[in-house]
Every structure is written in structure tokens, then in C-alpha cells.
Protein backbone atom coordinates (compact mmCIF):
# COMPACT_ATOMS: atom_id res chain seq x y z
CA MET A 1 -0.02 -0.14 0.03
CA ILE A 2 1.03 3.52 -0.64
CA SER A 3 -0.33 5.93 2.01
CA ALA A 4 -0.48 8.89 -0.08
CA LEU A 5 -0.85 9.68 -3.98
CA THR A 6 0.50 12.77 -5.24
CA VAL A 7 0.52 13.29 -9.02
CA VAL A 8 1.92 16.33 -10.50
CA VAL A 9 1.46 16.80 -14.31
CA LEU A 10 3.90 19.65 -14.99
CA SER A 11 3.80 22.19 -17.97
CA ALA A 12 6.62 22.66 -20.33
CA GLN A 13 7.43 22.24 -24.01
CA ALA A 14 9.70 19.33 -23.22
CA ALA A 15 10.26 17.01 -20.44
CA PRO A 16 12.13 18.39 -17.49
CA PRO A 17 15.51 17.16 -16.66
CA ASP A 18 15.54 13.61 -15.16
CA PHE A 19 12.12 12.83 -16.34
CA LYS A 20 11.59 9.60 -18.21
CA GLU A 21 8.94 8.77 -20.76
CA LEU A 22 6.19 6.62 -19.14
CA THR A 23 3.68 6.17 -21.79
CA THR A 24 2.05 7.67 -24.81
CA GLY A 25 -1.50 7.66 -26.04
CA ASN A 26 -4.33 10.14 -27.42
CA ASP A 27 -1.52 12.18 -29.02
CA CYS A 28 -0.04 12.70 -25.64
CA THR A 29 3.40 11.96 -24.12
CA VAL A 30 3.29 11.34 -20.31
CA TYR A 31 6.49 11.70 -18.46
CA ARG A 32 7.24 10.58 -15.00
CA GLY A 33 9.94 12.08 -12.86
CA PRO A 34 11.96 11.37 -9.72
CA ALA A 35 10.14 11.45 -6.40
CA LEU A 36 10.31 15.00 -4.78
CA ALA A 37 11.22 15.09 -1.04
CA ASP A 38 7.77 14.78 0.28
CA GLY A 39 7.28 11.55 -1.95
CA THR A 40 5.27 13.32 -4.79
CA ILE A 41 5.70 11.61 -8.06
CA PRO A 42 5.85 14.18 -10.85
CA VAL A 43 4.14 13.28 -14.03
CA GLN A 44 3.95 15.60 -17.21
CA ALA A 45 1.45 15.41 -19.95
CA GLU A 46 1.67 17.33 -23.45
CA CYS A 47 -0.81 16.65 -26.07
CA VAL A 48 -1.29 17.96 -29.75
CA TRP A 49 -4.73 17.51 -30.89
CA PRO A 50 -5.15 18.65 -34.46
CA ASP A 51 -8.75 17.36 -34.62
CA VAL A 52 -10.22 19.56 -31.85
CA SER A 53 -12.19 22.89 -31.52
CA THR A 54 -10.32 24.95 -29.05
CA ALA A 55 -13.70 26.89 -28.56
CA LYS A 56 -15.34 23.47 -27.32
CA LEU A 57 -12.51 22.70 -25.01
CA HIS A 58 -12.79 26.17 -23.51
CA ALA A 59 -16.49 25.87 -23.01
CA ALA A 60 -16.09 22.54 -21.27
CA LEU A 61 -13.38 23.76 -19.08
CA SER A 62 -14.79 26.91 -17.98
CA ASP A 63 -18.14 25.31 -16.87
CA TRP A 64 -16.82 24.32 -13.33
CA ALA A 65 -20.15 22.52 -12.56
CA GLY A 66 -20.07 20.53 -15.82
CA HIS A 67 -16.81 18.95 -15.01
CA ALA A 68 -18.51 15.74 -13.90
CA LYS A 69 -19.89 15.44 -17.46
CA VAL A 70 -16.38 15.51 -18.91
CA HIS A 71 -14.40 13.42 -16.47
CA ASP A 72 -15.46 9.78 -15.31
CA THR A 73 -13.67 10.31 -12.00
CA VAL A 74 -15.54 13.36 -11.07
CA LEU A 75 -18.73 12.25 -9.61
CA THR A 76 -20.04 15.66 -8.30
CA SER A 77 -18.84 19.21 -9.25
CA VAL A 78 -20.89 22.13 -7.59
CA VAL A 79 -20.08 25.82 -7.56
CA LYS A 80 -20.51 27.23 -3.95
CA GLN A 81 -19.50 30.77 -4.39
CA THR A 82 -17.97 33.22 -7.02
CA GLU A 83 -15.50 35.92 -6.10
CA GLY A 84 -14.52 37.84 -9.31
CA SER A 85 -12.58 35.61 -11.67
CA ARG A 86 -12.66 32.53 -9.45
CA SER A 87 -15.09 30.18 -8.00
CA LEU A 88 -15.06 27.95 -5.17
CA VAL A 89 -16.12 24.43 -6.32
CA TYR A 90 -16.92 21.31 -4.23
CA GLN A 91 -15.92 17.92 -5.97
CA GLU A 92 -16.42 14.22 -5.00
CA HIS A 93 -13.99 12.02 -6.85
CA LYS A 94 -14.69 8.29 -7.59
CA LEU A 95 -11.93 5.77 -8.39
CA SER A 96 -12.42 1.94 -8.48
CA GLY A 97 -11.38 -0.01 -5.62
CA VAL A 98 -11.04 2.99 -3.02
CA SER A 99 -13.29 5.24 -1.10
CA ASN A 100 -14.68 8.39 -2.65
CA ARG A 101 -12.66 11.46 -2.25
CA GLU A 102 -13.93 14.99 -1.40
CA VAL A 103 -12.51 18.23 -1.89
CA GLU A 104 -13.10 22.14 -2.31
CA ILE A 105 -11.02 23.81 -4.97
CA TRP A 106 -10.80 27.37 -6.01
CA MET A 107 -11.10 27.20 -9.92
CA GLU A 108 -9.87 30.31 -12.19
CA LYS A 109 -9.51 31.10 -15.79
CA LYS A 110 -7.01 33.23 -17.15
CA ALA A 111 -5.61 34.45 -20.48
CA VAL A 112 -2.38 32.93 -21.73
CA ASP A 113 -0.51 33.48 -25.15
CA GLY A 114 -2.84 31.84 -27.63
CA GLY A 115 -5.34 30.60 -25.26
CA PHE A 116 -6.62 30.12 -21.86
CA GLU A 117 -5.50 28.43 -18.69
CA TYR A 118 -7.93 26.89 -16.16
CA SER A 119 -6.37 26.49 -12.71
CA TRP A 120 -7.45 25.00 -9.39
CA LYS A 121 -6.02 24.83 -5.88
CA ASN A 122 -7.69 23.10 -2.92
CA THR A 123 -8.81 24.92 0.25
CA ALA A 124 -8.32 23.25 3.82
CA PRO A 125 -9.39 19.63 3.84
CA VAL A 126 -13.31 19.13 4.10
CA THR A 127 -15.26 17.08 6.60
CA PRO A 128 -16.18 14.20 4.21
CA LYS A 129 -19.50 12.40 4.26
CA LYS A 130 -19.32 9.12 6.09
CA GLY A 131 -17.23 6.36 4.14
CA ASN A 132 -15.56 9.19 2.06
CA VAL A 133 -12.00 10.56 2.62
CA ALA A 134 -10.88 14.14 2.37
CA THR A 135 -8.31 15.06 -0.25
CA THR A 136 -5.27 16.55 1.13
CA LEU A 137 -3.98 18.11 -2.00
CA HIS A 138 -5.64 18.95 -5.35
CA GLU A 139 -4.04 21.64 -7.62
CA GLY A 140 -3.04 22.07 -11.14
CA PHE A 141 -4.20 23.41 -14.44
CA TRP A 142 -5.34 22.57 -18.01
CA ARG A 143 -3.70 25.15 -20.47
CA VAL A 144 -5.15 25.03 -24.02
CA THR A 145 -3.80 27.06 -26.82
CA ASP A 146 -4.31 27.25 -30.44
CA ALA A 147 -2.09 25.06 -32.51
CA PRO A 148 -0.16 26.74 -35.48
CA GLY A 149 -1.75 24.24 -38.00
CA GLY A 150 -5.35 24.30 -36.43
CA GLY A 151 -6.43 22.24 -33.29
CA ALA A 152 -4.99 22.45 -29.94
CA ASN A 153 -1.81 22.22 -28.01
CA VAL A 154 -2.85 20.99 -24.40
CA VAL A 155 -0.83 20.76 -21.12
CA TYR A 156 -2.20 19.15 -18.18
CA ARG A 157 -0.89 19.73 -14.63
CA LEU A 158 -2.01 18.09 -11.54
CA ALA A 159 -0.65 17.64 -7.97
CA TYR A 160 -2.89 15.09 -6.13
CA ASN A 161 -2.93 13.54 -2.67
CA PRO A 162 -6.15 11.79 -2.05
CA GLY A 163 -5.28 11.30 1.60
CA GLY A 164 -6.04 7.86 3.35
CA SER A 165 -4.44 4.65 1.77
CA VAL A 166 -4.28 3.86 -1.93
CA PRO A 167 -3.06 0.51 -3.37
CA GLY A 168 0.18 0.91 -5.22
CA PHE A 169 -1.59 -0.63 -8.47
CA ILE A 170 -4.00 2.13 -8.54
CA VAL A 171 -1.22 4.74 -8.07
CA ARG A 172 0.82 3.24 -11.11
CA TRP A 173 -2.34 3.05 -13.24
CA PHE A 174 -3.16 6.66 -12.48
CA GLN A 175 0.28 8.06 -13.34
CA GLY A 176 0.15 6.27 -16.80
CA SER A 177 -3.16 4.84 -18.19
CA GLY A 178 -5.18 7.14 -15.83
CA THR A 179 -3.46 10.47 -17.15
CA VAL A 180 -4.11 9.35 -20.70
CA THR A 181 -7.73 8.63 -20.04
CA THR A 182 -8.18 11.99 -18.51
CA THR A 183 -7.01 13.59 -21.64
CA GLU A 184 -9.00 11.34 -23.87
CA GLU A 185 -12.18 12.49 -21.96
CA LEU A 186 -11.32 16.05 -22.58
CA ARG A 187 -10.60 15.58 -25.97
CA ALA A 188 -13.80 13.96 -26.71
CA VAL A 189 -15.70 16.98 -25.80
CA GLY A 190 -13.37 19.21 -28.25
CA ARG A 191 -14.22 17.08 -31.31
């Protein structure tokens, strides 16, 4: 068992030093880096999708309450309040074989060169429903920019510590296949 899973999907145009290619799929490359001092396993996904509409991706990502319609692991996504350009969102996450996770995150959309970035960062841990576990870390972003030949360049970044105990095989699945699956779900709404 691994007591905490933390995955970081980092943004860059090439894998950072010491990162090794973990897997490919969905026109994405996923890299896994060395463990950080706190045990975080960094992972980086970079995608080039010539067959998507950036307008559709932007519409899906900016609908904070709609994330449960895009991602299978998001069971519930409810906007609790909005302050200027950011919104406080409650989410319940599901993963086969472990208890559901709960988290409140501040979500924000900002312009970047050629597109937008949709970022999130959790608040203090929530008091979960009976049988669920509070997520201790959930932050990252999706960056979607126009590709020169059409379509989109997409970078996905995630730091996720689900709290509680998570079996090692689930950690390994999430870092490789799970990251590709998450990108596939977003790509599907952009087609």
C-alpha cells in the first residue's frame, strides 16, 4: 500500500531534466519524474490535438459545474460561490477500489498567449461524508492554446494527494493510463 498518492503533471514544452517517458496515447506523451522530497511523483502530459475545436475545449473547461460530465472520476462538481474571476467548487471524486474523495477547490480561468489556462487549488481539507476521505492536495491546471496548423496544444498539470491509503497498483495506473484517460475525456468534448 502507498499511504498517499500525489501526482503532478507539469507544464513545459519538453520533459524536464531527469524525467523519463512513461507512456504515450491520445496524441499525448506522459513523463514520470523522480520522487520529490515529500514523496510526490511528478508526471507531465503534453498533447497535440489537430482534430479538436479550442472553442469547445474552452466551453467545457470553463463550466466548473460541468466537470462531472467530462471526467468519469468526477462524481459531483458544484459551484458554492464566486468571487470575481474565481469560483469555489466542491467536488467528489470516485476511483474503482477505494473510497470516494472529497475536496473544495478554487477554480480560475486566465488568458495565456494563444489561449487560456484553467487552474485550481484546494482549500483546507473538508469534513467528508461517512465512508469518504478528504483529499489533502488537489491543484493544477489545463492549458489550452491554438496549434499553428489548427486544433490545440494542451498541457495538463495535477498535484493530487487523495489522503488515506491507496494501493500501489492504483497509483501506477493513475500515473500512466489514468492520465491518458483523463486527456481522452477532454479531447472527446473538443471534437
